[in-house]
């Protein structure tokens, strides 16, 4: 289903749009470009949030890994006696 919307673009953007797509293809081009841009923004935002969270929790995660490592080492030693 399609829905008509009114948007305002800078004249330079309209000129680029007219060069890139004919009169009947402009809506399709804008739709595809906007979808791709928004998907990219979402991935970029997600990557940024994941990175920030990993940095913020690095000390906690390192301590947990060290604790488990010690338990695994102890279990391994007991099993191989």
PDB file of N, CA and C in Angstrom:
ATOM      1  N   UNK A   1       0.844  -1.175   0.000  1.00  0.00           N
ATOM      2  CA  UNK A   1       0.000   0.000   0.000  1.00  0.00           C
ATOM      3  C   UNK A   1       0.894   1.243   0.000  1.00  0.00           C
ATOM      4  N   UNK A   2       0.521   2.205  -0.740  1.00  0.00           N
ATOM      5  CA  UNK A   2       1.258   3.456  -0.833  1.00  0.00           C
ATOM      6  C   UNK A   2       0.466   4.567  -0.163  1.00  0.00           C
ATOM      7  N   UNK A   3       1.179   5.546   0.343  1.00  0.00           N
ATOM      8  CA  UNK A   3       0.546   6.711   0.967  1.00  0.00           C
ATOM      9  C   UNK A   3       1.283   7.957   0.494  1.00  0.00           C
ATOM     10  N   UNK A   4       0.538   8.942   0.092  1.00  0.00           N
ATOM     11  CA  UNK A   4       1.126  10.196  -0.383  1.00  0.00           C
ATOM     12  C   UNK A   4       1.496  11.072   0.806  1.00  0.00           C
ATOM     13  N   UNK A   5       2.718  11.631   0.769  1.00  0.00           N
ATOM     14  CA  UNK A   5       3.159  12.571   1.797  1.00  0.00           C
ATOM     15  C   UNK A   5       3.754  13.799   1.115  1.00  0.00           C
ATOM     16  N   UNK A   6       3.687  14.900   1.801  1.00  0.00           N
ATOM     17  CA  UNK A   6       4.327  16.130   1.317  1.00  0.00           C
ATOM     18  C   UNK A   6       5.609  16.345   2.092  1.00  0.00           C
ATOM     19  N   UNK A   7       6.692  16.562   1.365  1.00  0.00           N
ATOM     20  CA  UNK A   7       7.966  16.877   2.007  1.00  0.00           C
ATOM     21  C   UNK A   7       8.560  18.089   1.310  1.00  0.00           C
ATOM     22  N   UNK A   8       9.447  18.746   1.998  1.00  0.00           N
ATOM     23  CA  UNK A   8      10.141  19.897   1.431  1.00  0.00           C
ATOM     24  C   UNK A   8      11.618  19.562   1.346  1.00  0.00           C
ATOM     25  N   UNK A   9      12.195  19.751   0.160  1.00  0.00           N
ATOM     26  CA  UNK A   9      13.608  19.469  -0.068  1.00  0.00           C
ATOM     27  C   UNK A   9      14.309  20.728  -0.546  1.00  0.00           C
ATOM     28  N   UNK A  10      15.588  20.782  -0.287  1.00  0.00           N
ATOM     29  CA  UNK A  10      16.377  21.895  -0.813  1.00  0.00           C
ATOM     30  C   UNK A  10      16.404  21.800  -2.337  1.00  0.00           C
ATOM     31  N   UNK A  11      16.488  22.939  -2.987  1.00  0.00           N
ATOM     32  CA  UNK A  11      16.502  22.952  -4.456  1.00  0.00           C
ATOM     33  C   UNK A  11      17.625  22.091  -5.011  1.00  0.00           C
ATOM     34  N   UNK A  12      18.782  22.125  -4.386  1.00  0.00           N
ATOM     35  CA  UNK A  12      19.906  21.327  -4.867  1.00  0.00           C
ATOM     36  C   UNK A  12      19.605  19.828  -4.772  1.00  0.00           C
ATOM     37  N   UNK A  13      18.875  19.435  -3.753  1.00  0.00           N
ATOM     38  CA  UNK A  13      18.488  18.029  -3.610  1.00  0.00           C
ATOM     39  C   UNK A  13      17.496  17.637  -4.696  1.00  0.00           C
ATOM     40  N   UNK A  14      16.557  18.521  -4.994  1.00  0.00           N
ATOM     41  CA  UNK A  14      15.585  18.254  -6.052  1.00  0.00           C
ATOM     42  C   UNK A  14      16.294  18.104  -7.399  1.00  0.00           C
ATOM     43  N   UNK A  15      17.279  18.939  -7.659  1.00  0.00           N
ATOM     44  CA  UNK A  15      18.032  18.826  -8.915  1.00  0.00           C
ATOM     45  C   UNK A  15      18.743  17.478  -8.992  1.00  0.00           C
ATOM     46  N   UNK A  16      19.350  17.054  -7.899  1.00  0.00           N
ATOM     47  CA  UNK A  16      19.997  15.740  -7.872  1.00  0.00           C
ATOM     48  C   UNK A  16      18.976  14.628  -8.112  1.00  0.00           C
ATOM     49  N   UNK A  17      17.839  14.736  -7.482  1.00  0.00           N
ATOM     50  CA  UNK A  17      16.780  13.745  -7.637  1.00  0.00           C
ATOM     51  C   UNK A  17      16.302  13.679  -9.083  1.00  0.00           C
ATOM     52  N   UNK A  18      16.104  14.830  -9.690  1.00  0.00           N
ATOM     53  CA  UNK A  18      15.649  14.868 -11.076  1.00  0.00           C
ATOM     54  C   UNK A  18      16.688  14.292 -12.032  1.00  0.00           C
ATOM     55  N   UNK A  19      17.966  14.478 -11.717  1.00  0.00           N
ATOM     56  CA  UNK A  19      19.027  13.897 -12.554  1.00  0.00           C
ATOM     57  C   UNK A  19      19.091  12.381 -12.403  1.00  0.00           C
ATOM     58  N   UNK A  20      18.820  11.907 -11.187  1.00  0.00           N
ATOM     59  CA  UNK A  20      18.960  10.484 -10.897  1.00  0.00           C
ATOM     60  C   UNK A  20      17.750   9.668 -11.332  1.00  0.00           C
ATOM     61  N   UNK A  21      16.572  10.264 -11.331  1.00  0.00           N
ATOM     62  CA  UNK A  21      15.355   9.501 -11.635  1.00  0.00           C
ATOM     63  C   UNK A  21      14.393  10.342 -12.460  1.00  0.00           C
ATOM     64  N   UNK A  22      13.730   9.676 -13.368  1.00  0.00           N
ATOM     65  CA  UNK A  22      12.707  10.357 -14.164  1.00  0.00           C
ATOM     66  C   UNK A  22      11.479  10.651 -13.331  1.00  0.00           C
ATOM     67  N   UNK A  23      10.556  11.371 -13.930  1.00  0.00           N
ATOM     68  CA  UNK A  23       9.368  11.801 -13.196  1.00  0.00           C
ATOM     69  C   UNK A  23       8.608  10.639 -12.553  1.00  0.00           C
ATOM     70  N   UNK A  24       8.475   9.527 -13.211  1.00  0.00           N
ATOM     71  CA  UNK A  24       7.727   8.408 -12.663  1.00  0.00           C
ATOM     72  C   UNK A  24       8.511   7.575 -11.655  1.00  0.00           C
ATOM     73  N   UNK A  25       9.818   7.782 -11.581  1.00  0.00           N
ATOM     74  CA  UNK A  25      10.656   6.963 -10.701  1.00  0.00           C
ATOM     75  C   UNK A  25      11.113   7.669  -9.430  1.00  0.00           C
ATOM     76  N   UNK A  26      10.753   8.917  -9.273  1.00  0.00           N
ATOM     77  CA  UNK A  26      11.260   9.666  -8.117  1.00  0.00           C
ATOM     78  C   UNK A  26      10.788   9.094  -6.788  1.00  0.00           C
ATOM     79  N   UNK A  27       9.523   8.762  -6.690  1.00  0.00           N
ATOM     80  CA  UNK A  27       8.998   8.224  -5.426  1.00  0.00           C
ATOM     81  C   UNK A  27       9.713   6.931  -5.066  1.00  0.00           C
ATOM     82  N   UNK A  28       9.899   6.057  -6.056  1.00  0.00           N
ATOM     83  CA  UNK A  28      10.583   4.786  -5.813  1.00  0.00           C
ATOM     84  C   UNK A  28      12.008   5.029  -5.345  1.00  0.00           C
ATOM     85  N   UNK A  29      12.715   5.971  -5.991  1.00  0.00           N
ATOM     86  CA  UNK A  29      14.095   6.274  -5.597  1.00  0.00           C
ATOM     87  C   UNK A  29      14.150   6.818  -4.170  1.00  0.00           C
ATOM     88  N   UNK A  30      13.278   7.743  -3.850  1.00  0.00           N
ATOM     89  CA  UNK A  30      13.252   8.319  -2.500  1.00  0.00           C
ATOM     90  C   UNK A  30      12.912   7.232  -1.480  1.00  0.00           C
ATOM     91  N   UNK A  31      11.951   6.373  -1.793  1.00  0.00           N
ATOM     92  CA  UNK A  31      11.565   5.285  -0.889  1.00  0.00           C
ATOM     93  C   UNK A  31      12.746   4.353  -0.630  1.00  0.00           C
ATOM     94  N   UNK A  32      13.417   3.916  -1.694  1.00  0.00           N
ATOM     95  CA  UNK A  32      14.552   2.997  -1.542  1.00  0.00           C
ATOM     96  C   UNK A  32      15.709   3.655  -0.793  1.00  0.00           C
ATOM     97  N   UNK A  33      16.001   4.904  -1.128  1.00  0.00           N
ATOM     98  CA  UNK A  33      17.110   5.605  -0.462  1.00  0.00           C
ATOM     99  C   UNK A  33      16.818   5.800   1.027  1.00  0.00           C
ATOM    100  N   UNK A  34      15.613   6.169   1.347  1.00  0.00           N
ATOM    101  CA  UNK A  34      15.238   6.396   2.740  1.00  0.00           C
ATOM    102  C   UNK A  34      15.270   5.089   3.531  1.00  0.00           C
ATOM    103  N   UNK A  35      14.761   4.006   2.952  1.00  0.00           N
ATOM    104  CA  UNK A  35      14.797   2.707   3.624  1.00  0.00           C
ATOM    105  C   UNK A  35      16.241   2.283   3.908  1.00  0.00           C
ATOM    106  N   UNK A  36      17.092   2.412   2.901  1.00  0.00           N
ATOM    107  CA  UNK A  36      18.492   2.020   3.072  1.00  0.00           C
ATOM    108  C   UNK A  36      19.169   2.891   4.127  1.00  0.00           C
ATOM    109  N   UNK A  37      18.931   4.180   4.089  1.00  0.00           N
ATOM    110  CA  UNK A  37      19.521   5.085   5.073  1.00  0.00           C
ATOM    111  C   UNK A  37      19.067   4.733   6.490  1.00  0.00           C
ATOM    112  N   UNK A  38      17.783   4.506   6.660  1.00  0.00           N
ATOM    113  CA  UNK A  38      17.258   4.214   7.990  1.00  0.00           C
ATOM    114  C   UNK A  38      17.749   2.865   8.503  1.00  0.00           C
ATOM    115  N   UNK A  39      17.890   1.874   7.628  1.00  0.00           N
ATOM    116  CA  UNK A  39      18.462   0.591   8.053  1.00  0.00           C
ATOM    117  C   UNK A  39      19.904   0.781   8.505  1.00  0.00           C
ATOM    118  N   UNK A  40      20.662   1.577   7.765  1.00  0.00           N
ATOM    119  CA  UNK A  40      22.055   1.847   8.111  1.00  0.00           C
ATOM    120  C   UNK A  40      22.185   2.574   9.429  1.00  0.00           C
ATOM    121  N   UNK A  41      21.335   3.548   9.640  1.00  0.00           N
ATOM    122  CA  UNK A  41      21.349   4.315  10.890  1.00  0.00           C
ATOM    123  C   UNK A  41      21.060   3.387  12.054  1.00  0.00           C
ATOM    124  N   UNK A  42      20.131   2.476  11.896  1.00  0.00           N
ATOM    125  CA  UNK A  42      19.779   1.553  12.957  1.00  0.00           C
ATOM    126  C   UNK A  42      20.962   0.649  13.296  1.00  0.00           C
ATOM    127  N   UNK A  43      21.630   0.114  12.278  1.00  0.00           N
ATOM    128  CA  UNK A  43      22.788  -0.747  12.507  1.00  0.00           C
ATOM    129  C   UNK A  43      23.918   0.029  13.160  1.00  0.00           C
ATOM    130  N   UNK A  44      24.129   1.248  12.681  1.00  0.00           N
ATOM    131  CA  UNK A  44      25.182   2.078  13.246  1.00  0.00           C
ATOM    132  C   UNK A  44      24.903   2.385  14.703  1.00  0.00           C
ATOM    133  N   UNK A  45      23.676   2.725  15.011  1.00  0.00           N
ATOM    134  CA  UNK A  45      23.291   3.024  16.388  1.00  0.00           C
ATOM    135  C   UNK A  45      23.454   1.789  17.265  1.00  0.00           C
ATOM    136  N   UNK A  46      23.030   0.635  16.756  1.00  0.00           N
ATOM    137  CA  UNK A  46      23.161  -0.598  17.522  1.00  0.00           C
ATOM    138  C   UNK A  46      24.624  -0.914  17.793  1.00  0.00           C
ATOM    139  N   UNK A  47      25.468  -0.828  16.772  1.00  0.00           N
ATOM    140  CA  UNK A  47      26.899  -1.093  16.959  1.00  0.00           C
ATOM    141  C   UNK A  47      27.493  -0.146  17.999  1.00  0.00           C
ATOM    142  N   UNK A  48      27.111   1.128  17.915  1.00  0.00           N
ATOM    143  CA  UNK A  48      27.626   2.124  18.855  1.00  0.00           C
ATOM    144  C   UNK A  48      27.207   1.777  20.289  1.00  0.00           C
ATOM    145  N   UNK A  49      25.948   1.409  20.472  1.00  0.00           N
ATOM    146  CA  UNK A  49      25.457   1.069  21.808  1.00  0.00           C
ATOM    147  C   UNK A  49      26.128  -0.193  22.351  1.00  0.00           C
ATOM    148  N   UNK A  50      26.310  -1.193  21.475  1.00  0.00           N
ATOM    149  CA  UNK A  50      26.990  -2.416  21.912  1.00  0.00           C
ATOM    150  C   UNK A  50      28.421  -2.127  22.335  1.00  0.00           C
ATOM    151  N   UNK A  51      29.111  -1.308  21.568  1.00  0.00           N
ATOM    152  CA  UNK A  51      30.497  -0.966  21.891  1.00  0.00           C
ATOM    153  C   UNK A  51      30.566  -0.195  23.212  1.00  0.00           C
ATOM    154  N   UNK A  52      29.689   0.786  23.371  1.00  0.00           N
ATOM    155  CA  UNK A  52      29.683   1.572  24.606  1.00  0.00           C
ATOM    156  C   UNK A  52      29.391   0.680  25.815  1.00  0.00           C
ATOM    157  N   UNK A  53      28.446  -0.243  25.664  1.00  0.00           N
ATOM    158  CA  UNK A  53      28.113  -1.149  26.763  1.00  0.00           C
ATOM    159  C   UNK A  53      29.266  -2.074  27.103  1.00  0.00           C
ATOM    160  N   UNK A  54      29.936  -2.587  26.074  1.00  0.00           N
ATOM    161  CA  UNK A  54      31.070  -3.484  26.316  1.00  0.00           C
ATOM    162  C   UNK A  54      32.191  -2.752  27.038  1.00  0.00           C
ATOM    163  N   UNK A  55      32.445  -1.526  26.661  1.00  0.00           N
ATOM    164  CA  UNK A  55      33.487  -0.736  27.323  1.00  0.00           C
ATOM    165  C   UNK A  55      33.098  -0.454  28.769  1.00  0.00           C
ATOM    166  N   UNK A  56      31.829  -0.098  28.967  1.00  0.00           N
ATOM    167  CA  UNK A  56      31.350   0.244  30.313  1.00  0.00           C
ATOM    168  C   UNK A  56      31.403  -0.967  31.250  1.00  0.00           C
ATOM    169  N   UNK A  57      31.149  -2.183  30.702  1.00  0.00           N
ATOM    170  CA  UNK A  57      31.112  -3.380  31.533  1.00  0.00           C
ATOM    171  C   UNK A  57      32.400  -4.205  31.459  1.00  0.00           C
ATOM    172  N   UNK A  58      33.446  -3.684  30.873  1.00  0.00           N
ATOM    173  CA  UNK A  58      34.677  -4.452  30.659  1.00  0.00           C
ATOM    174  C   UNK A  58      35.287  -4.942  31.966  1.00  0.00           C
ATOM    175  N   UNK A  59      35.368  -4.106  32.975  1.00  0.00           N
ATOM    176  CA  UNK A  59      35.963  -4.519  34.255  1.00  0.00           C
ATOM    177  C   UNK A  59      35.158  -5.650  34.893  1.00  0.00           C
ATOM    178  N   UNK A  60      33.843  -5.518  34.887  1.00  0.00           N
ATOM    179  CA  UNK A  60      32.989  -6.565  35.449  1.00  0.00           C
ATOM    180  C   UNK A  60      33.161  -7.876  34.683  1.00  0.00           C
ATOM    181  N   UNK A  61      33.147  -7.789  33.352  1.00  0.00           N
ATOM    182  CA  UNK A  61      33.272  -8.991  32.524  1.00  0.00           C
ATOM    183  C   UNK A  61      34.636  -9.659  32.697  1.00  0.00           C
ATOM    184  N   UNK A  62      35.658  -8.871  32.820  1.00  0.00           N
ATOM    185  CA  UNK A  62      37.005  -9.415  33.029  1.00  0.00           C
ATOM    186  C   UNK A  62      37.076 -10.147  34.375  1.00  0.00           C
ATOM    187  N   UNK A  63      36.498  -9.563  35.409  1.00  0.00           N
ATOM    188  CA  UNK A  63      36.493 -10.189  36.738  1.00  0.00           C
ATOM    189  C   UNK A  63      35.718 -11.504  36.713  1.00  0.00           C
ATOM    190  N   UNK A  64      34.581 -11.529  36.021  1.00  0.00           N
ATOM    191  CA  UNK A  64      33.809 -12.765  35.906  1.00  0.00           C
ATOM    192  C   UNK A  64      34.604 -13.838  35.166  1.00  0.00           C
ATOM    193  N   UNK A  65      35.273 -13.461  34.104  1.00  0.00           N
ATOM    194  CA  UNK A  65      36.077 -14.424  33.347  1.00  0.00           C
ATOM    195  C   UNK A  65      37.201 -14.987  34.213  1.00  0.00           C
ATOM    196  N   UNK A  66      37.827 -14.125  35.003  1.00  0.00           N
ATOM    197  CA  UNK A  66      38.906 -14.591  35.886  1.00  0.00           C
ATOM    198  C   UNK A  66      38.369 -15.548  36.944  1.00  0.00           C
ATOM    199  N   UNK A  67      37.204 -15.223  37.518  1.00  0.00           N
ATOM    200  CA  UNK A  67      36.598 -16.109  38.519  1.00  0.00           C
ATOM    201  C   UNK A  67      36.290 -17.474  37.925  1.00  0.00           C
ATOM    202  N   UNK A  68      35.682 -17.522  36.762  1.00  0.00           N
ATOM    203  CA  UNK A  68      35.349 -18.796  36.122  1.00  0.00           C
ATOM    204  C   UNK A  68      36.613 -19.553  35.729  1.00  0.00           C
ATOM    205  N   UNK A  69      37.621 -18.820  35.289  1.00  0.00           N
ATOM    206  CA  UNK A  69      38.875 -19.478  34.916  1.00  0.00           C
ATOM    207  C   UNK A  69      39.460 -20.223  36.117  1.00  0.00           C
ATOM    208  N   UNK A  70      39.465 -19.569  37.258  1.00  0.00           N
ATOM    209  CA  UNK A  70      39.996 -20.207  38.470  1.00  0.00           C
ATOM    210  C   UNK A  70      39.187 -21.457  38.829  1.00  0.00           C
ATOM    211  N   UNK A  71      37.873 -21.395  38.740  1.00  0.00           N
ATOM    212  CA  UNK A  71      37.034 -22.553  39.033  1.00  0.00           C
ATOM    213  C   UNK A  71      37.286 -23.686  38.032  1.00  0.00           C
ATOM    214  N   UNK A  72      37.418 -23.348  36.786  1.00  0.00           N
ATOM    215  CA  UNK A  72      37.683 -24.362  35.760  1.00  0.00           C
ATOM    216  C   UNK A  72      39.048 -25.012  35.972  1.00  0.00           C
ATOM    217  N   UNK A  73      40.026 -24.209  36.307  1.00  0.00           N
ATOM    218  CA  UNK A  73      41.364 -24.742  36.580  1.00  0.00           C
ATOM    219  C   UNK A  73      41.324 -25.716  37.752  1.00  0.00           C
ATOM    220  N   UNK A  74      40.631 -25.330  38.817  1.00  0.00           N
ATOM    221  CA  UNK A  74      40.536 -26.181  40.000  1.00  0.00           C
ATOM    222  C   UNK A  74      39.822 -27.492  39.664  1.00  0.00           C
ATOM    223  N   UNK A  75      38.741 -27.405  38.918  1.00  0.00           N
ATOM    224  CA  UNK A  75      37.987 -28.605  38.518  1.00  0.00           C
ATOM    225  C   UNK A  75      38.843 -29.492  37.630  1.00  0.00           C
ATOM    226  N   UNK A  76      39.547 -28.929  36.709  1.00  0.00           N
ATOM    227  CA  UNK A  76      40.394 -29.691  35.791  1.00  0.00           C
ATOM    228  C   UNK A  76      41.493 -30.426  36.564  1.00  0.00           C
ATOM    229  N   UNK A  77      42.108 -29.735  37.511  1.00  0.00           N
ATOM    230  CA  UNK A  77      43.176 -30.363  38.314  1.00  0.00           C
ATOM    231  C   UNK A  77      42.642 -31.541  39.143  1.00  0.00           C
ATOM    232  N   UNK A  78      41.472 -31.353  39.732  1.00  0.00           N
ATOM    233  CA  UNK A  78      40.878 -32.424  40.541  1.00  0.00           C
ATOM    234  C   UNK A  78      40.531 -33.625  39.682  1.00  0.00           C
ATOM    235  N   UNK A  79      40.115 -33.405  38.473  1.00  0.00           N
ATOM    236  CA  UNK A  79      39.735 -34.484  37.579  1.00  0.00           C
ATOM    237  C   UNK A  79      40.897 -35.239  36.994  1.00  0.00           C
ATOM    238  N   UNK A  80      42.089 -34.676  37.024  1.00  0.00           N
ATOM    239  CA  UNK A  80      43.252 -35.305  36.410  1.00  0.00           C
ATOM    240  C   UNK A  80      44.278 -35.787  37.427  1.00  0.00           C
ATOM    241  N   UNK A  81      43.868 -36.057  38.621  1.00  0.00           N
ATOM    242  CA  UNK A  81      44.792 -36.541  39.654  1.00  0.00           C
ATOM    243  C   UNK A  81      44.891 -38.028  39.624  1.00  0.00           C
TER     244      UNK A  81
END
